[in-house]
């Protein structure tokens, strides 16, 4: 219970303050000597508690960031319209490329001009991507403008994608629950909480001018800790994953900061950064924003890595102990690291491919460019992506031995840890 925890914690603090070398006093509640490892675990818990109090205090006084006075969405005169007829279709030459086009008759479905019919073109005067054409009966987005002389002009704006997105999201939820059961439901709750932390804590704090690195570390740690606990429960396996995540995040933050200084990254490597700096009046720390982005970018893969290593170690210990084999710390750690090495190799490759896929248009532009490869790599926004990929990979690599060693210690000391820490894992008992 919380009362017992605070009693044990206070005893440890007082005893350590009186005589730091005498850490083996007896606990009156459990009649178990307090070992040095127990003190270290309490110290780690205290660090987590301090971070939690700090993050909560920032959240409570975060305020509301000032709006920049611009819209990032569609123009205000954008409305929905239905294609009621294909008036004409064919091909047209745009430069040296022949592309298909269609003339559409549409009916406006909302706004001041509801019910109005008009003809618009798709692909006859502008370059349009091939393979995507509006069809009869489809609802699209158009912009309606009225000239001073009263004439109306209507232009195609975009396709409506909300319904397919809802279908895709429904398929994702259904398959998650079908395969994982209640654990899938808990993972969806964790996903919602993660988005809530990013939108309700990390972004407002960065816009308020606070240090993006500290905000990203605290926010990323707590959203990942919540996700792990809500998905896998209050177990020793989860504790090992959460503590491993915290240490790996801090290490990744130091590495990112060091290599950003070493490569002289300023944070102004993209047009988005320049635009954000102007809109925020220079209040946002762009170098810190790049660092925070590196941490959050590695977070999703880190989740998979630490929980897998913890699960492997606890399953190995459970199987060997029930099979009559007694493994020591280094043997169990070594067996867990065999899986960890394979996992790291696959995960690093996954991370590199994910970044490459996200920047594929940029890579194609560089392939067509006649610039020297060294000059291309030296461009700040290219260097930034390289540093992001390699630093994230280093953090993931470091997370493997960290989480494996924590899980190994907890797995071998299940009988010594306090009851409120929970069972080893799902289907395991002390």
Protein backbone atom coordinates (compact mmCIF):
# COMPACT_ATOMS: atom_id res chain seq x y z
CA UNK A 1 0.00 0.00 0.00
CA UNK A 2 1.14 3.64 -0.35
CA UNK A 3 1.49 3.93 3.43
CA UNK A 4 3.89 1.00 3.58
CA UNK A 5 5.87 2.31 0.62
CA UNK A 6 6.40 5.73 2.21
CA UNK A 7 7.34 4.13 5.52
CA UNK A 8 10.00 1.99 3.81
CA UNK A 9 11.19 4.98 1.76
CA UNK A 10 11.49 7.23 4.82
CA UNK A 11 13.41 4.53 6.70
CA UNK A 12 15.83 4.20 3.79
CA UNK A 13 16.37 7.95 3.55
CA UNK A 14 16.93 8.39 7.30
CA UNK A 15 19.24 5.39 7.56
CA UNK A 16 21.30 6.52 4.56
CA UNK A 17 21.54 10.07 5.93
CA UNK A 18 22.77 8.78 9.31
CA UNK A 19 25.26 6.28 7.96
CA UNK A 20 25.46 5.76 4.16
CA UNK A 21 27.69 2.72 4.60
CA UNK A 22 25.21 0.89 6.84
CA UNK A 23 22.47 -0.08 4.40
CA UNK A 24 21.44 -3.43 5.90
CA UNK A 25 18.91 -2.43 8.56
CA UNK A 26 15.88 -4.64 9.18
CA UNK A 27 12.47 -3.59 7.94
CA UNK A 28 9.81 -4.07 10.62
CA UNK A 29 7.06 -4.71 8.07
CA UNK A 30 8.63 -7.59 6.18
CA UNK A 31 11.51 -8.62 8.49
CA UNK A 32 13.79 -8.45 5.44
CA UNK A 33 17.15 -6.66 5.48
CA UNK A 34 17.28 -3.58 3.26
CA UNK A 35 19.99 -4.30 0.68
CA UNK A 36 22.04 -1.81 -1.31
CA UNK A 37 20.09 -2.78 -4.46
CA UNK A 38 16.87 -1.88 -2.67
CA UNK A 39 18.24 1.57 -1.88
CA UNK A 40 19.23 2.05 -5.52
CA UNK A 41 15.74 1.04 -6.62
CA UNK A 42 14.22 3.56 -4.20
CA UNK A 43 16.58 6.23 -5.54
CA UNK A 44 15.42 5.48 -9.10
CA UNK A 45 11.81 5.69 -7.90
CA UNK A 46 12.56 9.07 -6.32
CA UNK A 47 13.98 10.35 -9.64
CA UNK A 48 10.82 9.22 -11.44
CA UNK A 49 8.67 10.91 -8.76
CA UNK A 50 10.57 14.20 -9.10
CA UNK A 51 10.15 14.12 -12.88
CA UNK A 52 6.43 13.41 -12.45
CA UNK A 53 5.94 16.34 -10.06
CA UNK A 54 7.88 18.64 -12.41
CA UNK A 55 5.88 17.57 -15.46
CA UNK A 56 2.56 17.96 -13.62
CA UNK A 57 3.52 21.43 -12.38
CA UNK A 58 4.37 22.51 -15.95
CA UNK A 59 1.13 21.07 -17.22
CA UNK A 60 -0.95 22.92 -14.62
CA UNK A 61 0.61 26.29 -15.50
CA UNK A 62 1.05 25.74 -19.22
CA UNK A 63 -1.44 28.44 -20.28
CA UNK A 64 -2.82 28.79 -23.78
CA UNK A 65 -0.40 29.70 -26.58
CA UNK A 66 -1.28 32.75 -28.65
CA UNK A 67 -2.69 31.97 -32.06
CA UNK A 68 -0.62 33.18 -34.98
CA UNK A 69 -3.60 34.50 -36.89
CA UNK A 70 -3.33 32.19 -39.89
CA UNK A 71 -5.09 29.03 -40.98
CA UNK A 72 -3.19 25.87 -41.82
CA UNK A 73 -6.21 24.25 -43.45
CA UNK A 74 -8.34 25.04 -46.50
CA UNK A 75 -9.49 28.57 -47.43
CA UNK A 76 -12.57 29.82 -45.60
CA UNK A 77 -14.67 29.68 -48.79
CA UNK A 78 -14.10 25.92 -49.25
CA UNK A 79 -17.33 23.89 -49.34
CA UNK A 80 -18.48 20.39 -50.24
CA UNK A 81 -19.93 19.74 -53.70
CA UNK A 82 -21.24 16.65 -55.51
CA UNK A 83 -20.17 15.67 -59.02
CA UNK A 84 -23.48 15.22 -60.86
CA UNK A 85 -22.13 14.78 -64.41
CA UNK A 86 -18.93 14.18 -66.39
CA UNK A 87 -19.32 16.79 -69.16
CA UNK A 88 -16.09 16.07 -71.05
CA UNK A 89 -12.97 13.99 -70.70
CA UNK A 90 -9.82 13.46 -72.73
CA UNK A 91 -6.10 14.20 -72.65
CA UNK A 92 -4.15 17.44 -72.80
CA UNK A 93 -0.45 18.20 -73.31
CA UNK A 94 1.12 19.90 -70.27
CA UNK A 95 4.62 20.81 -71.35
CA UNK A 96 6.06 17.53 -72.61
CA UNK A 97 3.72 15.32 -70.59
CA UNK A 98 0.28 14.21 -71.73
CA UNK A 99 -2.22 13.96 -68.92
CA UNK A 100 -5.92 13.05 -68.73
CA UNK A 101 -8.53 15.65 -67.77
CA UNK A 102 -12.24 15.89 -67.00
CA UNK A 103 -14.79 18.69 -67.10
CA UNK A 104 -17.20 18.19 -64.19
CA UNK A 105 -20.65 19.55 -63.46
CA UNK A 106 -20.96 19.95 -59.72
CA UNK A 107 -23.71 20.99 -57.28
CA UNK A 108 -22.73 22.90 -54.13
CA UNK A 109 -24.01 21.15 -51.00
CA UNK A 110 -23.39 23.79 -48.31
CA UNK A 111 -22.65 27.44 -47.63
CA UNK A 112 -24.17 30.56 -49.18
CA UNK A 113 -24.45 28.97 -52.62
CA UNK A 114 -26.14 25.71 -51.64
CA UNK A 115 -27.86 24.14 -54.65
CA UNK A 116 -25.88 26.14 -57.21
CA UNK A 117 -24.56 24.17 -60.20
CA UNK A 118 -21.32 24.98 -62.03
CA UNK A 119 -18.73 23.43 -64.31
CA UNK A 120 -15.14 22.99 -63.19
CA UNK A 121 -12.11 21.39 -64.82
CA UNK A 122 -9.78 18.83 -63.34
CA UNK A 123 -6.41 18.53 -65.05
CA UNK A 124 -7.07 20.66 -68.15
CA UNK A 125 -5.20 23.77 -67.03
CA UNK A 126 -3.10 22.50 -64.10
CA UNK A 127 -0.72 19.60 -63.64
CA UNK A 128 -2.52 16.83 -61.77
CA UNK A 129 -1.23 13.47 -60.52
CA UNK A 130 -2.13 10.55 -62.74
CA UNK A 131 -4.38 7.73 -61.61
CA UNK A 132 -6.70 9.88 -59.48
CA UNK A 133 -9.83 11.32 -61.14
CA UNK A 134 -13.15 12.54 -59.70
CA UNK A 135 -16.10 10.31 -60.62
CA UNK A 136 -19.83 10.87 -60.93
CA UNK A 137 -21.61 10.88 -57.58
CA UNK A 138 -18.43 11.65 -55.63
CA UNK A 139 -18.38 14.47 -53.09
CA UNK A 140 -15.36 16.78 -53.41
CA UNK A 141 -14.14 20.09 -51.98
CA UNK A 142 -14.38 23.25 -54.09
CA UNK A 143 -13.67 26.94 -53.51
CA UNK A 144 -16.39 29.43 -54.45
CA UNK A 145 -15.57 33.05 -55.21
CA UNK A 146 -17.84 35.90 -56.24
CA UNK A 147 -16.28 38.71 -58.30
CA UNK A 148 -17.32 42.36 -57.78
CA UNK A 149 -19.43 42.19 -60.96
CA UNK A 150 -21.44 39.30 -59.46
CA UNK A 151 -19.95 36.49 -61.54
CA UNK A 152 -19.17 33.23 -59.76
CA UNK A 153 -15.96 31.23 -60.07
CA UNK A 154 -15.61 27.70 -58.69
CA UNK A 155 -12.32 25.77 -58.42
CA UNK A 156 -11.44 22.24 -57.45
CA UNK A 157 -9.64 22.16 -54.06
CA UNK A 158 -9.27 18.56 -52.89
CA UNK A 159 -10.81 15.14 -52.46
CA UNK A 160 -12.64 14.22 -49.24
CA UNK A 161 -10.73 11.53 -47.37
CA UNK A 162 -12.51 11.35 -44.00
CA UNK A 163 -14.68 8.32 -44.81
CA UNK A 164 -11.82 6.10 -46.03
CA UNK A 165 -9.78 7.18 -43.02
CA UNK A 166 -12.61 6.14 -40.71
CA UNK A 167 -12.83 2.78 -42.50
CA UNK A 168 -9.09 2.29 -42.13
CA UNK A 169 -9.18 3.28 -38.46
CA UNK A 170 -12.10 0.92 -37.85
CA UNK A 171 -10.15 -1.93 -39.48
CA UNK A 172 -7.16 -1.09 -37.30
CA UNK A 173 -9.23 -1.12 -34.10
CA UNK A 174 -11.07 -4.31 -35.09
CA UNK A 175 -7.92 -6.29 -35.91
CA UNK A 176 -6.13 -5.01 -32.79
CA UNK A 177 -8.95 -6.21 -30.56
CA UNK A 178 -9.45 -9.44 -32.55
CA UNK A 179 -5.80 -10.47 -32.22
CA UNK A 180 -4.91 -9.03 -28.80
CA UNK A 181 -8.23 -9.08 -26.95
CA UNK A 182 -8.37 -6.84 -23.88
CA UNK A 183 -4.68 -6.13 -24.25
CA UNK A 184 -5.52 -4.62 -27.64
CA UNK A 185 -8.15 -2.41 -25.99
CA UNK A 186 -5.60 -1.26 -23.43
CA UNK A 187 -3.08 -0.53 -26.20
CA UNK A 188 -5.66 1.69 -27.94
CA UNK A 189 -6.21 3.55 -24.67
CA UNK A 190 -2.45 4.02 -24.45
CA UNK A 191 -2.40 5.33 -28.03
CA UNK A 192 -5.06 7.91 -27.18
CA UNK A 193 -3.11 8.93 -24.07
CA UNK A 194 0.07 9.34 -26.13
CA UNK A 195 -1.67 11.69 -28.55
CA UNK A 196 -3.15 13.55 -25.57
CA UNK A 197 0.29 14.07 -24.00
CA UNK A 198 1.77 15.31 -27.29
CA UNK A 199 -1.11 17.68 -28.07
CA UNK A 200 -1.92 18.76 -24.50
CA UNK A 201 1.52 18.90 -22.90
CA UNK A 202 4.52 18.76 -25.25
CA UNK A 203 3.31 21.16 -27.96
CA UNK A 204 1.88 23.85 -25.61
CA UNK A 205 5.03 23.80 -23.47
CA UNK A 206 7.32 24.21 -26.49
CA UNK A 207 5.15 27.02 -27.87
CA UNK A 208 5.34 28.70 -24.44
CA UNK A 209 9.12 28.93 -24.88
CA UNK A 210 10.24 26.22 -22.45
CA UNK A 211 13.18 23.92 -23.11
CA UNK A 212 12.04 21.45 -25.81
CA UNK A 213 14.58 18.81 -24.71
CA UNK A 214 13.39 18.64 -21.11
CA UNK A 215 9.76 18.83 -22.19
CA UNK A 216 10.26 16.06 -24.76
CA UNK A 217 12.08 13.78 -22.30
CA UNK A 218 9.47 14.17 -19.54
CA UNK A 219 6.51 13.99 -21.91
CA UNK A 220 7.92 11.07 -23.89
CA UNK A 221 8.78 9.13 -20.73
CA UNK A 222 5.38 9.54 -19.14
CA UNK A 223 3.39 8.76 -22.26
CA UNK A 224 5.49 5.64 -22.82
CA UNK A 225 5.28 4.62 -19.15
CA UNK A 226 1.50 5.04 -19.21
CA UNK A 227 1.25 3.05 -22.43
CA UNK A 228 3.38 0.21 -21.04
CA UNK A 229 1.47 0.00 -17.75
CA UNK A 230 -1.99 0.26 -19.30
CA UNK A 231 -1.10 -2.43 -21.86
CA UNK A 232 0.99 -4.88 -19.83
CA UNK A 233 -0.19 -4.13 -16.31
CA UNK A 234 1.62 -3.41 -13.04
CA UNK A 235 4.28 -6.11 -13.34
CA UNK A 236 8.01 -6.49 -12.88
CA UNK A 237 8.35 -6.82 -16.64
CA UNK A 238 6.71 -3.41 -17.07
CA UNK A 239 8.92 -1.83 -14.37
CA UNK A 240 12.06 -3.04 -16.12
CA UNK A 241 10.83 -1.64 -19.44
CA UNK A 242 9.89 1.74 -17.93
CA UNK A 243 13.20 2.22 -16.09
CA UNK A 244 15.13 1.11 -19.17
CA UNK A 245 13.18 3.62 -21.24
CA UNK A 246 13.98 6.47 -18.85
CA UNK A 247 17.73 5.80 -18.91
CA UNK A 248 17.74 5.29 -22.70
CA UNK A 249 15.85 8.56 -23.27
CA UNK A 250 18.27 10.54 -21.11
CA UNK A 251 21.26 8.96 -22.87
CA UNK A 252 19.72 9.68 -26.29
CA UNK A 253 19.17 13.30 -25.23
CA UNK A 254 22.84 13.71 -24.29
CA UNK A 255 23.99 12.09 -27.53
CA UNK A 256 21.68 14.27 -29.63
CA UNK A 257 22.85 17.43 -27.86
CA UNK A 258 26.52 16.51 -28.28
CA UNK A 259 26.29 15.68 -31.98
CA UNK A 260 24.12 18.73 -32.72
CA UNK A 261 26.91 20.88 -31.28
CA UNK A 262 29.55 18.87 -33.12
CA UNK A 263 27.82 19.23 -36.51
CA UNK A 264 26.87 22.88 -35.85
CA UNK A 265 23.15 22.38 -36.48
CA UNK A 266 21.17 25.61 -35.99
CA UNK A 267 17.60 24.31 -36.31
CA UNK A 268 16.96 26.56 -39.35
CA UNK A 269 17.47 23.82 -41.91
CA UNK A 270 13.93 23.84 -43.33
CA UNK A 271 11.36 26.35 -44.50
CA UNK A 272 8.98 25.11 -41.80
CA UNK A 273 11.51 26.12 -39.13
CA UNK A 274 11.88 29.61 -40.62
CA UNK A 275 8.11 30.00 -40.82
CA UNK A 276 7.68 28.83 -37.22
CA UNK A 277 10.37 31.21 -36.01
CA UNK A 278 8.61 34.16 -37.66
CA UNK A 279 5.17 33.23 -36.36
CA UNK A 280 6.40 32.67 -32.79
CA UNK A 281 8.49 35.84 -32.72
CA UNK A 282 11.62 33.82 -32.00
CA UNK A 283 10.11 32.38 -28.81
CA UNK A 284 10.54 28.75 -29.88
CA UNK A 285 14.02 27.29 -29.39
CA UNK A 286 14.54 25.67 -32.80
CA UNK A 287 17.73 23.81 -31.85
CA UNK A 288 15.93 22.35 -28.87
CA UNK A 289 12.99 21.55 -31.10
CA UNK A 290 15.23 19.44 -33.34
CA UNK A 291 16.54 17.62 -30.25
CA UNK A 292 13.02 16.99 -29.00
CA UNK A 293 12.00 15.68 -32.39
CA UNK A 294 14.88 13.21 -32.31
CA UNK A 295 13.72 11.87 -28.94
CA UNK A 296 10.07 11.52 -29.92
CA UNK A 297 11.03 10.01 -33.28
CA UNK A 298 12.94 7.18 -31.57
CA UNK A 299 10.25 6.66 -28.95
CA UNK A 300 7.94 4.38 -30.91
CA UNK A 301 10.67 1.88 -31.73
CA UNK A 302 12.05 2.17 -28.18
CA UNK A 303 8.69 1.00 -26.82
CA UNK A 304 8.88 -2.20 -28.84
CA UNK A 305 12.52 -2.80 -27.99
CA UNK A 306 12.41 -2.47 -24.20
CA UNK A 307 9.21 -4.45 -23.66
CA UNK A 308 10.45 -7.25 -25.93
CA UNK A 309 13.73 -7.55 -24.04
CA UNK A 310 11.94 -7.56 -20.69
CA UNK A 311 9.51 -10.23 -21.89
CA UNK A 312 12.34 -12.40 -23.24
CA UNK A 313 14.27 -12.28 -19.95
CA UNK A 314 11.24 -13.08 -17.77
CA UNK A 315 10.13 -15.91 -20.04
CA UNK A 316 13.65 -17.38 -20.04
CA UNK A 317 13.82 -17.21 -16.25
CA UNK A 318 10.34 -18.71 -15.90
CA UNK A 319 11.11 -21.58 -18.29
CA UNK A 320 14.51 -22.45 -16.83
CA UNK A 321 13.44 -22.22 -13.17
CA UNK A 322 10.44 -24.47 -13.79
CA UNK A 323 12.67 -26.86 -15.74
CA UNK A 324 14.98 -27.33 -12.80
CA UNK A 325 17.81 -25.17 -14.21
CA UNK A 326 19.17 -22.33 -12.08
CA UNK A 327 20.68 -19.44 -14.03
CA UNK A 328 22.92 -16.77 -12.59
CA UNK A 329 22.78 -13.11 -13.51
CA UNK A 330 25.40 -13.18 -16.26
CA UNK A 331 24.07 -16.36 -17.88
CA UNK A 332 20.48 -15.04 -17.99
CA UNK A 333 21.74 -11.67 -19.22
CA UNK A 334 23.83 -13.34 -21.94
CA UNK A 335 20.87 -15.38 -23.21
CA UNK A 336 18.65 -12.32 -23.27
CA UNK A 337 21.28 -10.37 -25.19
CA UNK A 338 21.36 -13.05 -27.89
CA UNK A 339 17.80 -12.09 -28.74
CA UNK A 340 18.64 -8.42 -28.20
CA UNK A 341 21.42 -8.41 -30.78
CA UNK A 342 19.10 -9.81 -33.45
CA UNK A 343 16.42 -7.34 -32.43
CA UNK A 344 18.81 -4.38 -32.64
CA UNK A 345 19.98 -5.36 -36.11
CA UNK A 346 16.40 -5.52 -37.40
CA UNK A 347 15.26 -2.40 -35.52
CA UNK A 348 18.10 -0.16 -36.73
CA UNK A 349 17.39 -1.22 -40.29
CA UNK A 350 13.69 -0.48 -39.70
CA UNK A 351 14.50 2.98 -38.37
CA UNK A 352 16.73 3.85 -41.33
CA UNK A 353 14.13 2.61 -43.82
CA UNK A 354 11.39 4.59 -42.05
CA UNK A 355 13.38 7.83 -42.34
CA UNK A 356 14.31 7.03 -45.94
CA UNK A 357 10.67 6.42 -46.81
CA UNK A 358 9.63 9.71 -45.23
CA UNK A 359 12.25 11.63 -47.25
CA UNK A 360 11.91 9.70 -50.52
CA UNK A 361 10.96 12.75 -52.66
CA UNK A 362 14.01 14.60 -51.31
CA UNK A 363 16.25 11.62 -52.11
CA UNK A 364 14.89 11.53 -55.66
CA UNK A 365 15.68 15.24 -56.10
CA UNK A 366 19.25 14.62 -54.96
CA UNK A 367 19.53 11.71 -57.39
CA UNK A 368 18.58 14.05 -60.24
CA UNK A 369 20.91 16.80 -58.99
CA UNK A 370 24.36 17.29 -60.44
CA UNK A 371 25.76 18.44 -57.07
CA UNK A 372 28.61 16.59 -55.41
CA UNK A 373 27.52 14.05 -52.81
CA UNK A 374 29.64 15.72 -50.12
CA UNK A 375 27.93 19.06 -50.74
CA UNK A 376 24.50 17.45 -50.57
CA UNK A 377 25.27 15.72 -47.26
CA UNK A 378 26.60 19.00 -45.86
CA UNK A 379 23.23 20.75 -46.35
CA UNK A 380 21.78 21.37 -42.90
CA UNK A 381 18.43 19.67 -43.40
CA UNK A 382 20.20 16.60 -44.82
CA UNK A 383 22.72 16.53 -41.97
CA UNK A 384 19.82 16.90 -39.55
CA UNK A 385 18.13 13.76 -40.88
CA UNK A 386 21.39 11.80 -40.76
CA UNK A 387 22.04 12.86 -37.16
CA UNK A 388 18.43 12.06 -36.27
CA UNK A 389 18.72 8.55 -37.69
CA UNK A 390 22.12 7.70 -36.20
CA UNK A 391 21.46 9.20 -32.75
CA UNK A 392 18.11 7.41 -32.56
CA UNK A 393 19.84 4.18 -33.51
CA UNK A 394 22.51 4.68 -30.82
CA UNK A 395 19.80 5.24 -28.22
CA UNK A 396 18.02 2.06 -29.30
CA UNK A 397 21.26 0.07 -29.17
CA UNK A 398 21.97 1.36 -25.65
CA UNK A 399 18.42 0.50 -24.54
CA UNK A 400 18.99 -3.23 -25.17
CA UNK A 401 21.65 -3.92 -22.49
CA UNK A 402 20.00 -1.43 -20.13
CA UNK A 403 16.55 -3.00 -20.23
CA UNK A 404 18.00 -6.52 -20.33
CA UNK A 405 20.12 -5.96 -17.21
CA UNK A 406 17.22 -4.38 -15.29
CA UNK A 407 14.89 -7.21 -16.30
CA UNK A 408 17.53 -9.80 -15.35
CA UNK A 409 17.98 -8.36 -11.87
CA UNK A 410 14.23 -8.14 -11.24
CA UNK A 411 13.62 -11.64 -12.64
CA UNK A 412 16.23 -13.18 -10.35
CA UNK A 413 15.10 -11.22 -7.27
CA UNK A 414 11.34 -11.71 -7.50
CA UNK A 415 11.16 -13.12 -3.98
CA UNK A 416 13.01 -10.12 -2.51
CA UNK A 417 11.11 -7.24 -4.08
CA UNK A 418 8.10 -5.79 -2.30
CA UNK A 419 4.61 -7.19 -2.98
CA UNK A 420 3.27 -3.90 -4.35
CA UNK A 421 5.62 -4.21 -7.35
CA UNK A 422 3.29 -6.87 -8.78
CA UNK A 423 3.95 -10.27 -10.35
CA UNK A 424 6.73 -11.01 -12.81
CA UNK A 425 4.36 -10.77 -15.77
CA UNK A 426 1.14 -12.03 -17.22
CA UNK A 427 0.59 -15.60 -16.04
CA UNK A 428 3.59 -15.49 -13.68
CA UNK A 429 3.67 -15.44 -9.92
CA UNK A 430 6.39 -14.65 -7.39
